[in-house]
Amino acid sequence: MTLFAGILLLVNAFFNVIVWPQFWRRVTADPRARDESGKKTKFYTVHAVLISIALIIAVASAVAGIAVLVS
């Protein structure tokens, strides 16, 4: 069961590192990301925070997965 948990944590980390940067490119290209004067909107800010949190969780999952597999 421990092996499964470690692998699952690493798969989660890998998935997040692959998916969220791709989504970030789409968010920055979205017309809702900036207003008429080129200033960043709440749409941009909210997505930046959400993606940052997801990537932090990915790092934590990778660290936890490695720790579980090594122990």
Protein backbone atom coordinates (compact mmCIF):
# COMPACT_ATOMS: atom_id res chain seq x y z
CA MET A 1 0.00 0.00 0.00
CA THR A 2 2.88 2.37 0.75
CA LEU A 3 4.32 1.81 -2.71
CA PHE A 4 0.95 2.65 -4.25
CA ALA A 5 0.68 5.86 -2.19
CA GLY A 6 4.17 6.99 -3.20
CA ILE A 7 3.54 6.32 -6.88
CA LEU A 8 0.15 8.05 -6.72
CA LEU A 9 1.72 11.16 -5.18
CA LEU A 10 4.36 11.26 -7.91
CA VAL A 11 1.78 10.78 -10.66
CA ASN A 12 -0.24 13.65 -9.16
CA ALA A 13 2.83 15.89 -9.12
CA PHE A 14 3.73 14.99 -12.71
CA PHE A 15 0.16 15.62 -13.91
CA ASN A 16 0.01 19.05 -12.27
CA VAL A 17 3.40 20.11 -13.62
CA ILE A 18 2.32 19.13 -17.14
CA VAL A 19 -1.24 20.52 -17.13
CA TRP A 20 -1.12 23.84 -15.28
CA PRO A 21 1.62 25.60 -17.30
CA GLN A 22 -0.34 24.76 -20.47
CA PHE A 23 -3.45 26.26 -18.93
CA TRP A 24 -1.47 29.35 -17.87
CA ARG A 25 -0.57 30.05 -21.52
CA ARG A 26 -4.26 29.98 -22.40
CA VAL A 27 -5.14 32.30 -19.51
CA THR A 28 -2.53 34.89 -20.49
CA ALA A 29 -3.75 34.83 -24.09
CA ASP A 30 -7.39 35.22 -23.07
CA PRO A 31 -8.84 38.69 -23.80
CA ARG A 32 -10.38 38.74 -20.30
CA ALA A 33 -6.88 38.71 -18.75
CA ARG A 34 -6.29 42.40 -19.52
CA ASP A 35 -8.52 45.42 -19.77
CA GLU A 36 -8.57 48.01 -22.56
CA SER A 37 -5.52 49.81 -21.17
CA GLY A 38 -3.52 46.57 -20.88
CA LYS A 39 -3.83 46.34 -17.11
CA LYS A 40 -4.20 42.87 -15.55
CA THR A 41 -7.75 42.01 -14.51
CA LYS A 42 -9.17 39.99 -11.63
CA PHE A 43 -9.56 37.10 -14.09
CA TYR A 44 -5.78 37.09 -14.53
CA THR A 45 -5.06 37.46 -10.81
CA VAL A 46 -7.45 34.72 -9.70
CA HIS A 47 -6.04 32.27 -12.21
CA ALA A 48 -2.47 33.18 -11.28
CA VAL A 49 -3.23 32.41 -7.63
CA LEU A 50 -5.02 29.15 -8.43
CA ILE A 51 -2.26 27.91 -10.71
CA SER A 52 0.42 28.91 -8.18
CA ILE A 53 -1.35 26.94 -5.45
CA ALA A 54 -1.71 23.94 -7.75
CA LEU A 55 2.02 23.99 -8.53
CA ILE A 56 2.92 24.33 -4.84
CA ILE A 57 0.74 21.30 -4.13
CA ALA A 58 2.53 19.48 -6.97
CA VAL A 59 5.89 20.16 -5.35
CA ALA A 60 4.57 19.00 -1.98
CA SER A 61 3.19 15.84 -3.60
CA ALA A 62 6.51 15.11 -5.26
CA VAL A 63 8.41 15.59 -2.00
CA ALA A 64 5.91 13.43 -0.10
CA GLY A 65 5.96 10.76 -2.81
CA ILE A 66 9.73 10.54 -2.75
CA ALA A 67 9.74 10.48 1.06
CA VAL A 68 7.20 7.65 1.10
CA LEU A 69 9.13 5.63 -1.47
CA VAL A 70 12.50 6.14 0.22
CA SER A 71 11.28 5.21 3.72
